[in-house]
């Protein structure tokens, strides 16, 4: 039989038994004939109910007499409940956000520094977006707010051990399913040849927003030091050839004159066009993703 009691009462009972008898968690677990993790985490925080035998032993150890009501259940009641809950878990919240400038920018950000994981077999669905933990804290907070506005869901912030890297993570089947419907496939972005969704091409303001997201994550704007320090260049670098073709076409659509694709990047060097980019397209990441060469753009 299993004992069903209030979670606070269950926690108090276990902690008092340990404290009053000066037991370690290991000693108390051994006395109750249960694993230390099960006692300290599962039972203590009421993640599962107590066996009737263990409950009686805890009462003996604490010399307590509870007047609260308890319920007794068959040992397999949790399994039956689990089966019911498992069926409920198959349902998930569906998302269909408005197609606007904000969504276009977020898609650009995901195409740049995002990663989508969809593991149907193990029920894992998440979106991650990565940032430089030393230089992009403000930008991370901006993207976090952007996601909240679009999906009405607050992503969590995580830090990668041993690296200067933060990332936002959203664990949501509904959001991942939606992004996949926009052709943002799970897994390797290069192998999957991800491109800008068709609806973004329908309006120039959508294109501008999407380009902003891409440049803010995978782009650089910098002075050509030391030879031509008076010349500023915009660069976009990505190993996905299809995405490179897309952003080049998008720039042309907006009246810019990008270079041809060479290696894994394109550049814009016309000074008046870079000024127009900053004025008409703009940036929400004042760092503008520093390039690997360490060159920096001074916003003047």
Protein backbone atom coordinates (compact mmCIF):
# COMPACT_ATOMS: atom_id res chain seq x y z
CA UNK A 1 0.00 0.00 0.00
CA UNK A 2 1.04 3.62 -0.61
CA UNK A 3 0.36 6.60 1.68
CA UNK A 4 -0.92 9.81 0.11
CA UNK A 5 -0.33 12.86 2.32
CA UNK A 6 0.24 16.58 1.91
CA UNK A 7 3.65 17.35 0.33
CA UNK A 8 4.68 19.66 3.20
CA UNK A 9 3.83 17.00 5.78
CA UNK A 10 5.80 14.36 3.88
CA UNK A 11 8.87 16.62 3.63
CA UNK A 12 8.65 17.59 7.33
CA UNK A 13 8.35 13.95 8.39
CA UNK A 14 11.43 12.83 6.47
CA UNK A 15 13.60 15.77 7.50
CA UNK A 16 12.59 15.45 11.17
CA UNK A 17 13.41 11.73 11.19
CA UNK A 18 16.90 12.52 9.86
CA UNK A 19 17.46 15.51 12.15
CA UNK A 20 16.17 14.00 15.41
CA UNK A 21 18.27 10.87 15.02
CA UNK A 22 21.40 12.52 13.61
CA UNK A 23 21.24 10.28 10.56
CA UNK A 24 23.00 10.89 7.28
CA UNK A 25 20.84 10.51 4.19
CA UNK A 26 22.61 7.24 3.51
CA UNK A 27 21.88 5.90 7.00
CA UNK A 28 18.21 6.85 6.90
CA UNK A 29 17.81 5.40 3.41
CA UNK A 30 19.35 2.11 4.57
CA UNK A 31 16.98 1.94 7.55
CA UNK A 32 13.98 2.51 5.27
CA UNK A 33 15.32 0.01 2.73
CA UNK A 34 15.35 2.51 -0.13
CA UNK A 35 17.94 4.17 -2.33
CA UNK A 36 19.50 7.43 -1.10
CA UNK A 37 18.38 9.36 -4.21
CA UNK A 38 14.82 8.07 -3.89
CA UNK A 39 14.66 9.17 -0.26
CA UNK A 40 16.36 12.56 -0.63
CA UNK A 41 14.70 13.62 -3.88
CA UNK A 42 11.71 11.47 -4.82
CA UNK A 43 10.17 10.98 -1.36
CA UNK A 44 11.38 14.18 0.30
CA UNK A 45 9.96 16.42 -2.45
CA UNK A 46 6.83 14.28 -2.87
CA UNK A 47 7.63 13.25 -6.41
CA UNK A 48 6.15 9.92 -5.43
CA UNK A 49 4.13 8.60 -2.49
CA UNK A 50 5.53 6.74 0.51
CA UNK A 51 5.17 2.99 1.02
CA UNK A 52 2.96 2.33 4.06
CA UNK A 53 5.77 0.41 5.80
CA UNK A 54 8.21 3.35 5.38
CA UNK A 55 5.59 5.81 6.61
CA UNK A 56 5.05 3.82 9.82
CA UNK A 57 8.81 3.62 10.37
CA UNK A 58 9.16 7.39 9.97
CA UNK A 59 6.42 7.95 12.53
CA UNK A 60 8.28 5.71 14.98
CA UNK A 61 11.54 7.61 14.41
CA UNK A 62 9.91 11.01 14.95
CA UNK A 63 7.41 9.94 17.64
CA UNK A 64 4.86 12.10 15.88
CA UNK A 65 1.14 11.56 15.77
CA UNK A 66 -0.44 13.21 12.76
CA UNK A 67 -4.06 14.24 12.85
CA UNK A 68 -4.08 15.00 9.13
CA UNK A 69 -6.02 12.73 6.84
CA UNK A 70 -4.08 10.20 4.84
CA UNK A 71 -5.15 8.11 1.89
CA UNK A 72 -4.06 4.56 1.17
CA UNK A 73 -3.72 3.39 -2.42
CA UNK A 74 -2.81 0.11 -4.05
CA UNK A 75 0.87 -0.19 -4.98
CA UNK A 76 0.14 -0.01 -8.73
CA UNK A 77 -2.13 3.05 -8.62
CA UNK A 78 0.70 5.29 -9.78
CA UNK A 79 1.24 3.14 -12.85
CA UNK A 80 -2.42 3.46 -13.82
CA UNK A 81 -2.28 7.23 -13.26
CA UNK A 82 0.96 7.37 -15.25
CA UNK A 83 -0.70 5.71 -18.21
CA UNK A 84 -3.48 8.30 -18.12
CA UNK A 85 -0.96 11.16 -17.87
CA UNK A 86 1.08 9.73 -20.73
CA UNK A 87 -1.94 9.98 -23.00
CA UNK A 88 -2.48 13.56 -21.93
CA UNK A 89 1.13 14.43 -22.67
CA UNK A 90 0.60 13.64 -26.32
CA UNK A 91 -1.38 16.84 -26.53
CA UNK A 92 0.62 20.04 -26.86
CA UNK A 93 0.06 23.75 -27.24
CA UNK A 94 0.09 24.76 -30.89
CA UNK A 95 1.54 28.05 -32.11
CA UNK A 96 0.75 30.12 -35.17
CA UNK A 97 2.22 33.59 -34.59
CA UNK A 98 1.42 36.58 -36.77
CA UNK A 99 3.73 36.91 -39.74
CA UNK A 100 5.27 40.31 -39.18
CA UNK A 101 8.60 42.13 -38.85
CA UNK A 102 9.33 40.66 -35.42
CA UNK A 103 8.86 37.08 -36.59
CA UNK A 104 10.96 37.74 -39.71
CA UNK A 105 13.80 39.05 -37.54
CA UNK A 106 13.61 36.08 -35.19
CA UNK A 107 13.78 33.68 -38.13
CA UNK A 108 16.91 35.50 -39.32
CA UNK A 109 18.40 35.13 -35.84
CA UNK A 110 17.60 31.40 -35.79
CA UNK A 111 19.09 30.93 -39.28
CA UNK A 112 22.23 32.65 -37.99
CA UNK A 113 22.95 31.44 -34.45
CA UNK A 114 20.02 29.16 -33.70
CA UNK A 115 19.68 25.42 -33.43
CA UNK A 116 16.53 23.33 -33.50
CA UNK A 117 16.28 19.84 -32.01
CA UNK A 118 13.32 17.57 -32.71
CA UNK A 119 13.67 14.05 -31.32
CA UNK A 120 10.25 12.46 -31.66
CA UNK A 121 11.41 9.09 -30.35
CA UNK A 122 12.52 10.50 -27.00
CA UNK A 123 10.04 13.38 -26.91
CA UNK A 124 12.70 16.10 -26.95
CA UNK A 125 11.86 19.38 -28.67
CA UNK A 126 13.91 22.53 -28.14
CA UNK A 127 15.15 25.72 -29.73
CA UNK A 128 18.52 27.17 -28.72
CA UNK A 129 20.09 30.50 -29.71
CA UNK A 130 23.72 31.20 -28.83
CA UNK A 131 25.48 34.40 -27.72
CA UNK A 132 28.92 35.63 -26.65
CA UNK A 133 28.65 35.78 -22.84
CA UNK A 134 31.16 38.65 -22.59
CA UNK A 135 29.88 40.94 -25.34
CA UNK A 136 26.28 40.09 -26.16
CA UNK A 137 24.37 40.22 -22.87
CA UNK A 138 22.24 43.15 -24.06
CA UNK A 139 21.51 41.40 -27.32
CA UNK A 140 20.56 38.21 -25.47
CA UNK A 141 18.04 40.18 -23.42
CA UNK A 142 16.67 41.77 -26.59
CA UNK A 143 16.17 38.37 -28.26
CA UNK A 144 14.65 36.97 -25.07
CA UNK A 145 12.08 39.78 -25.10
CA UNK A 146 11.47 39.25 -28.84
CA UNK A 147 10.70 35.56 -28.28
CA UNK A 148 8.37 36.40 -25.41
CA UNK A 149 6.48 38.90 -27.59
CA UNK A 150 6.06 36.39 -30.42
CA UNK A 151 5.30 33.16 -28.56
CA UNK A 152 4.17 34.50 -25.15
CA UNK A 153 6.72 32.12 -23.65
CA UNK A 154 9.84 33.08 -21.68
CA UNK A 155 13.01 31.19 -22.71
CA UNK A 156 15.55 30.14 -20.10
CA UNK A 157 19.16 31.33 -20.11
CA UNK A 158 21.94 28.76 -19.87
CA UNK A 159 25.75 28.98 -19.84
CA UNK A 160 28.05 26.59 -21.70
CA UNK A 161 30.71 25.26 -19.34
CA UNK A 162 34.25 26.23 -20.19
CA UNK A 163 33.23 28.60 -22.98
CA UNK A 164 32.31 32.28 -23.29
CA UNK A 165 28.86 31.29 -24.41
CA UNK A 166 25.31 31.89 -23.22
CA UNK A 167 22.30 30.42 -24.91
CA UNK A 168 18.55 30.84 -24.70
CA UNK A 169 16.59 27.62 -24.68
CA UNK A 170 12.91 26.96 -25.29
CA UNK A 171 11.70 23.43 -24.66
CA UNK A 172 8.40 23.35 -26.52
CA UNK A 173 7.04 20.84 -28.98
CA UNK A 174 4.52 23.38 -30.25
CA UNK A 175 7.16 25.99 -31.10
CA UNK A 176 9.46 23.44 -32.74
CA UNK A 177 6.58 22.02 -34.81
CA UNK A 178 5.71 25.56 -35.92
CA UNK A 179 9.31 26.36 -36.91
CA UNK A 180 9.50 23.12 -38.86
CA UNK A 181 6.36 24.17 -40.72
CA UNK A 182 8.35 27.25 -41.78
CA UNK A 183 10.95 24.86 -43.30
CA UNK A 184 13.40 25.45 -40.44
CA UNK A 185 14.39 21.83 -40.13
CA UNK A 186 15.80 20.19 -37.03
CA UNK A 187 19.48 19.27 -36.95
CA UNK A 188 22.41 20.43 -39.06
CA UNK A 189 21.52 23.72 -40.80
CA UNK A 190 24.22 23.24 -43.45
CA UNK A 191 23.22 19.70 -44.41
CA UNK A 192 19.55 20.69 -44.38
CA UNK A 193 20.32 23.74 -46.57
CA UNK A 194 18.04 26.06 -44.62
CA UNK A 195 16.88 29.16 -46.50
CA UNK A 196 14.73 32.25 -45.91
CA UNK A 197 11.00 31.26 -45.85
CA UNK A 198 8.96 32.28 -48.90
CA UNK A 199 6.57 34.63 -47.08
CA UNK A 200 9.46 36.86 -46.00
CA UNK A 201 10.15 37.65 -49.68
CA UNK A 202 6.66 39.06 -50.08
CA UNK A 203 7.43 42.41 -48.39
CA UNK A 204 10.60 44.46 -48.25
CA UNK A 205 10.14 45.27 -44.56
CA UNK A 206 10.09 41.52 -43.83
CA UNK A 207 13.31 41.11 -45.82
CA UNK A 208 14.97 43.97 -43.93
CA UNK A 209 14.02 42.44 -40.60
CA UNK A 210 15.24 38.99 -41.57
CA UNK A 211 18.55 40.39 -42.89
CA UNK A 212 18.95 42.34 -39.63
CA UNK A 213 18.64 39.07 -37.69
CA UNK A 214 21.17 37.36 -39.94
CA UNK A 215 23.77 40.15 -39.85
CA UNK A 216 23.34 40.65 -36.09
CA UNK A 217 24.29 36.99 -35.57
CA UNK A 218 26.53 35.87 -38.44
CA UNK A 219 27.68 39.22 -39.79
CA UNK A 220 30.40 41.79 -39.17
CA UNK A 221 30.82 45.48 -39.89
CA UNK A 222 34.38 46.71 -39.46
CA UNK A 223 37.07 49.09 -40.62
CA UNK A 224 39.63 47.73 -43.08
CA UNK A 225 42.62 48.16 -40.81
CA UNK A 226 45.43 48.98 -41.11
CA UNK A 227 45.72 49.75 -44.83
CA UNK A 228 42.32 51.41 -45.39
CA UNK A 229 41.15 52.46 -41.95
CA UNK A 230 38.79 55.03 -43.47
CA UNK A 231 36.85 52.28 -45.30
CA UNK A 232 34.09 50.31 -43.61
CA UNK A 233 33.01 46.90 -44.88
CA UNK A 234 29.97 44.75 -44.16
CA UNK A 235 30.53 41.01 -44.26
CA UNK A 236 28.24 38.01 -43.92
CA UNK A 237 29.86 34.63 -43.36
CA UNK A 238 28.08 31.27 -43.36
CA UNK A 239 28.93 27.74 -44.48
CA UNK A 240 25.41 27.18 -45.86
CA UNK A 241 25.79 28.01 -49.57
CA UNK A 242 22.03 28.15 -50.10
CA UNK A 243 21.61 30.70 -47.33
CA UNK A 244 24.49 32.75 -48.77
CA UNK A 245 22.68 32.81 -52.11
CA UNK A 246 19.49 33.88 -50.35
CA UNK A 247 20.95 36.78 -48.40
CA UNK A 248 22.82 37.97 -51.48
CA UNK A 249 19.56 37.95 -53.45
CA UNK A 250 17.80 39.72 -50.56
CA UNK A 251 20.40 42.50 -50.54
CA UNK A 252 20.00 42.94 -54.31
CA UNK A 253 16.20 43.01 -53.90
CA UNK A 254 16.64 45.90 -51.45
CA UNK A 255 18.87 47.84 -53.82
CA UNK A 256 22.28 46.95 -52.40
CA UNK A 257 25.32 45.77 -54.37
CA UNK A 258 26.86 42.81 -52.54
CA UNK A 259 29.95 41.06 -53.88
CA UNK A 260 29.77 37.66 -55.49
CA UNK A 261 30.04 34.73 -53.12
CA UNK A 262 33.67 33.91 -52.43
CA UNK A 263 34.48 31.06 -50.10
CA UNK A 264 31.82 31.20 -47.40
CA UNK A 265 30.98 34.88 -47.41
CA UNK A 266 29.78 37.99 -49.22
CA UNK A 267 30.68 41.63 -48.52
CA UNK A 268 29.36 45.11 -49.18
CA UNK A 269 32.01 47.80 -49.51
CA UNK A 270 30.18 50.79 -51.01
CA UNK A 271 30.29 53.32 -48.18
CA UNK A 272 26.98 54.97 -48.98
CA UNK A 273 25.28 51.57 -48.93
CA UNK A 274 26.67 50.66 -45.52
CA UNK A 275 25.38 53.99 -44.19
CA UNK A 276 22.00 53.21 -45.77
CA UNK A 277 22.06 49.74 -44.22
CA UNK A 278 22.58 51.21 -40.75
CA UNK A 279 19.82 53.77 -41.35
CA UNK A 280 17.19 51.65 -43.14
CA UNK A 281 17.85 48.13 -41.83
CA UNK A 282 19.65 48.91 -38.59
CA UNK A 283 20.96 46.64 -35.86
CA UNK A 284 19.80 45.44 -32.48
CA UNK A 285 23.23 44.04 -31.67
CA UNK A 286 25.62 46.96 -31.19
CA UNK A 287 28.59 44.59 -31.24
CA UNK A 288 27.63 43.44 -34.77
CA UNK A 289 29.15 39.99 -34.17
CA UNK A 290 32.93 40.69 -34.18
CA UNK A 291 34.71 38.94 -37.01
CA UNK A 292 37.21 36.16 -36.45
CA UNK A 293 40.07 38.51 -37.32
CA UNK A 294 39.26 40.66 -34.30
CA UNK A 295 38.34 43.70 -36.37
CA UNK A 296 35.66 45.86 -34.81
CA UNK A 297 33.20 48.35 -36.18
CA UNK A 298 33.16 51.70 -34.40
CA UNK A 299 29.64 53.09 -34.51
CA UNK A 300 30.23 56.80 -35.16
